[in-house]
């Protein structure tokens, strides 16, 4: 009911925006919204790449750290 916007509702929203902001201001507002969405997508992809890189680096470092601990404990037992 509330989640679907049909063509009539969209036309009504655009007509109200036209009356409020005027025909000269609408392209500027659209451009600003488009730039904001583009920047948000760019930064969200950077954050997800950093998280994936940290997770993969952590998973790659863990076996090496475990081997180092195992080698150190085996050396202690031999001495």
N, C-alpha and C. Protein backbone atom coordinates (compact mmCIF):
# COMPACT_ATOMS: atom_id res chain seq x y z
N UNK A 1 0.82 -1.19 0.00
CA UNK A 1 0.00 0.00 0.00
C UNK A 1 0.87 1.26 0.00
N UNK A 2 1.76 1.40 1.00
CA UNK A 2 2.58 2.59 1.08
C UNK A 2 3.89 2.45 0.30
N UNK A 3 4.32 1.25 0.01
CA UNK A 3 5.60 1.02 -0.63
C UNK A 3 5.60 1.20 -2.14
N UNK A 4 4.45 1.29 -2.74
CA UNK A 4 4.39 1.38 -4.19
C UNK A 4 3.96 2.77 -4.63
N UNK A 5 4.76 3.36 -5.50
CA UNK A 5 4.41 4.67 -6.06
C UNK A 5 4.03 4.43 -7.51
N UNK A 6 2.80 4.73 -7.83
CA UNK A 6 2.31 4.56 -9.18
C UNK A 6 2.59 5.78 -10.03
N UNK A 7 2.21 5.73 -11.29
CA UNK A 7 2.47 6.87 -12.18
C UNK A 7 1.72 8.14 -11.77
N UNK A 8 0.52 7.99 -11.24
CA UNK A 8 -0.24 9.18 -10.83
C UNK A 8 0.41 9.86 -9.62
N UNK A 9 0.89 9.08 -8.68
CA UNK A 9 1.54 9.65 -7.52
C UNK A 9 2.84 10.35 -7.91
N UNK A 10 3.56 9.74 -8.84
CA UNK A 10 4.81 10.33 -9.31
C UNK A 10 4.56 11.67 -10.02
N UNK A 11 3.53 11.72 -10.83
CA UNK A 11 3.18 12.96 -11.52
C UNK A 11 2.78 14.03 -10.50
N UNK A 12 2.05 13.65 -9.48
CA UNK A 12 1.64 14.59 -8.44
C UNK A 12 2.86 15.13 -7.69
N UNK A 13 3.80 14.27 -7.35
CA UNK A 13 5.02 14.71 -6.66
C UNK A 13 5.82 15.66 -7.53
N UNK A 14 5.97 15.34 -8.81
CA UNK A 14 6.71 16.21 -9.72
C UNK A 14 6.02 17.56 -9.91
N UNK A 15 4.69 17.56 -9.96
CA UNK A 15 3.94 18.82 -10.10
C UNK A 15 4.12 19.69 -8.86
N UNK A 16 4.08 19.09 -7.69
CA UNK A 16 4.27 19.85 -6.45
C UNK A 16 5.69 20.41 -6.41
N UNK A 17 6.69 19.62 -6.80
CA UNK A 17 8.07 20.10 -6.82
C UNK A 17 8.23 21.24 -7.81
N UNK A 18 7.55 21.15 -8.94
CA UNK A 18 7.63 22.22 -9.93
C UNK A 18 7.04 23.52 -9.39
N UNK A 19 5.93 23.41 -8.69
CA UNK A 19 5.30 24.60 -8.11
C UNK A 19 6.17 25.20 -7.02
N UNK A 20 6.75 24.36 -6.17
CA UNK A 20 7.54 24.86 -5.05
C UNK A 20 8.86 25.47 -5.51
N UNK A 21 9.61 24.75 -6.34
CA UNK A 21 10.95 25.19 -6.69
C UNK A 21 11.03 25.98 -7.99
N UNK A 22 10.09 25.81 -8.87
CA UNK A 22 10.13 26.54 -10.14
C UNK A 22 10.91 25.77 -11.20
N UNK A 23 10.68 26.12 -12.47
CA UNK A 23 11.31 25.37 -13.56
C UNK A 23 12.81 25.60 -13.68
N UNK A 24 13.33 26.72 -13.20
CA UNK A 24 14.76 26.99 -13.32
C UNK A 24 15.57 26.25 -12.26
N UNK A 25 14.97 25.99 -11.13
CA UNK A 25 15.70 25.39 -10.02
C UNK A 25 15.70 23.87 -10.07
N UNK A 26 14.73 23.25 -10.72
CA UNK A 26 14.64 21.79 -10.74
C UNK A 26 15.85 21.09 -11.36
N UNK A 27 16.40 21.55 -12.49
CA UNK A 27 17.61 20.88 -13.01
C UNK A 27 18.80 20.95 -12.05
N UNK A 28 18.93 22.08 -11.36
CA UNK A 28 20.02 22.21 -10.39
C UNK A 28 19.83 21.25 -9.23
N UNK A 29 18.61 21.11 -8.76
CA UNK A 29 18.32 20.19 -7.66
C UNK A 29 18.56 18.75 -8.11
N UNK A 30 18.13 18.42 -9.30
CA UNK A 30 18.37 17.07 -9.82
C UNK A 30 19.84 16.75 -9.95
N UNK A 31 20.62 17.72 -10.43
CA UNK A 31 22.06 17.52 -10.55
C UNK A 31 22.70 17.33 -9.19
N UNK A 32 22.29 18.11 -8.21
CA UNK A 32 22.86 17.99 -6.86
C UNK A 32 22.52 16.64 -6.24
N UNK A 33 21.29 16.18 -6.45
CA UNK A 33 20.89 14.87 -5.92
C UNK A 33 21.68 13.77 -6.62
N UNK A 34 21.85 13.87 -7.93
CA UNK A 34 22.63 12.88 -8.67
C UNK A 34 24.08 12.82 -8.21
N UNK A 35 24.69 13.99 -7.97
CA UNK A 35 26.07 14.01 -7.47
C UNK A 35 26.15 13.40 -6.07
N UNK A 36 25.18 13.67 -5.24
CA UNK A 36 25.17 13.12 -3.88
C UNK A 36 25.06 11.59 -3.92
N UNK A 37 24.20 11.08 -4.77
CA UNK A 37 24.04 9.62 -4.88
C UNK A 37 25.32 9.00 -5.42
N UNK A 38 25.94 9.63 -6.42
CA UNK A 38 27.18 9.12 -7.00
C UNK A 38 28.29 9.07 -5.95
N UNK A 39 28.44 10.14 -5.16
CA UNK A 39 29.47 10.18 -4.12
C UNK A 39 29.20 9.12 -3.05
N UNK A 40 27.93 8.94 -2.69
CA UNK A 40 27.59 7.93 -1.69
C UNK A 40 27.96 6.54 -2.17
N UNK A 41 27.64 6.23 -3.43
CA UNK A 41 27.98 4.91 -3.97
C UNK A 41 29.50 4.71 -4.02
N UNK A 42 30.23 5.77 -4.41
CA UNK A 42 31.68 5.66 -4.50
C UNK A 42 32.29 5.40 -3.13
N UNK A 43 31.85 6.13 -2.12
CA UNK A 43 32.42 5.95 -0.80
C UNK A 43 31.98 4.64 -0.16
N UNK A 44 30.76 4.21 -0.43
CA UNK A 44 30.32 2.93 0.13
C UNK A 44 31.09 1.77 -0.50
N UNK A 45 31.43 1.88 -1.79
CA UNK A 45 32.23 0.81 -2.41
C UNK A 45 33.65 0.82 -1.87
N UNK A 46 34.20 2.01 -1.58
CA UNK A 46 35.53 2.07 -0.98
C UNK A 46 35.54 1.43 0.40
N UNK A 47 34.51 1.70 1.18
CA UNK A 47 34.44 1.12 2.52
C UNK A 47 34.32 -0.40 2.43
N UNK A 48 33.49 -0.90 1.54
CA UNK A 48 33.34 -2.35 1.42
C UNK A 48 34.64 -2.99 0.92
N UNK A 49 35.38 -2.33 0.02
CA UNK A 49 36.67 -2.85 -0.43
C UNK A 49 37.68 -2.89 0.72
N UNK A 50 37.68 -1.85 1.56
CA UNK A 50 38.60 -1.83 2.70
C UNK A 50 38.27 -2.93 3.69
N UNK A 51 36.99 -3.16 3.92
CA UNK A 51 36.58 -4.21 4.84
C UNK A 51 36.98 -5.57 4.28
N UNK A 52 36.72 -5.80 3.00
CA UNK A 52 37.11 -7.07 2.38
C UNK A 52 38.62 -7.26 2.42
N UNK A 53 39.37 -6.19 2.19
CA UNK A 53 40.83 -6.28 2.25
C UNK A 53 41.32 -6.60 3.65
N UNK A 54 40.70 -5.99 4.65
CA UNK A 54 41.10 -6.26 6.03
C UNK A 54 40.76 -7.69 6.43
N UNK A 55 39.61 -8.16 6.00
CA UNK A 55 39.21 -9.53 6.34
C UNK A 55 40.12 -10.53 5.64
N UNK A 56 40.42 -10.30 4.37
CA UNK A 56 41.29 -11.23 3.65
C UNK A 56 42.72 -11.17 4.18
N UNK A 57 43.20 -9.99 4.55
CA UNK A 57 44.54 -9.88 5.11
C UNK A 57 44.60 -10.57 6.47
N UNK A 58 43.53 -10.45 7.24
CA UNK A 58 43.49 -11.08 8.55
C UNK A 58 43.45 -12.60 8.41
N UNK A 59 42.69 -13.10 7.45
CA UNK A 59 42.60 -14.55 7.26
C UNK A 59 43.90 -15.12 6.68
N UNK A 60 44.63 -14.32 5.90
CA UNK A 60 45.91 -14.77 5.37
C UNK A 60 46.99 -14.73 6.45
N UNK A 61 46.92 -13.79 7.38
CA UNK A 61 47.93 -13.65 8.41
C UNK A 61 47.74 -14.68 9.52
N UNK A 62 46.55 -15.13 9.74
CA UNK A 62 46.27 -16.04 10.85
C UNK A 62 47.04 -17.35 10.74
N UNK A 63 47.06 -18.06 9.62
CA UNK A 63 47.82 -19.31 9.57
C UNK A 63 49.31 -19.10 9.81
N UNK A 64 49.86 -18.01 9.33
CA UNK A 64 51.28 -17.73 9.53
C UNK A 64 51.55 -17.51 11.01
N UNK A 65 50.70 -16.75 11.67
CA UNK A 65 50.87 -16.51 13.10
C UNK A 65 50.75 -17.80 13.88
N UNK A 66 49.82 -18.65 13.50
CA UNK A 66 49.64 -19.92 14.19
C UNK A 66 50.85 -20.82 14.00
N UNK A 67 51.42 -20.83 12.79
CA UNK A 67 52.61 -21.63 12.55
C UNK A 67 53.78 -21.12 13.37
N UNK A 68 53.90 -19.81 13.45
CA UNK A 68 54.98 -19.22 14.24
C UNK A 68 54.85 -19.59 15.72
N UNK A 69 53.65 -19.59 16.24
CA UNK A 69 53.42 -19.97 17.63
C UNK A 69 53.73 -21.45 17.83
N UNK A 70 53.34 -22.28 16.88
CA UNK A 70 53.59 -23.71 16.99
C UNK A 70 55.08 -23.99 16.93
N UNK A 71 55.83 -23.29 16.07
CA UNK A 71 57.27 -23.48 15.97
C UNK A 71 57.96 -23.05 17.26
N UNK A 72 57.53 -21.95 17.83
CA UNK A 72 58.13 -21.46 19.07
C UNK A 72 57.86 -22.42 20.22
N UNK A 73 56.66 -22.98 20.30
CA UNK A 73 56.36 -23.91 21.38
C UNK A 73 57.10 -25.23 21.20
N UNK A 74 57.33 -25.67 19.98
CA UNK A 74 58.07 -26.91 19.75
C UNK A 74 59.54 -26.72 20.08
N UNK A 75 60.09 -25.53 19.82
CA UNK A 75 61.47 -25.25 20.18
C UNK A 75 61.65 -25.24 21.68
N UNK A 76 60.66 -24.72 22.41
CA UNK A 76 60.75 -24.70 23.86
C UNK A 76 60.74 -26.10 24.43
N UNK A 77 59.92 -26.99 23.85
CA UNK A 77 59.82 -28.36 24.32
C UNK A 77 61.11 -29.12 24.09
N UNK A 78 61.80 -28.82 22.96
CA UNK A 78 63.04 -29.53 22.63
C UNK A 78 64.18 -29.12 23.57
N UNK A 79 64.20 -27.89 24.05
CA UNK A 79 65.29 -27.39 24.88
C UNK A 79 65.24 -27.92 26.28
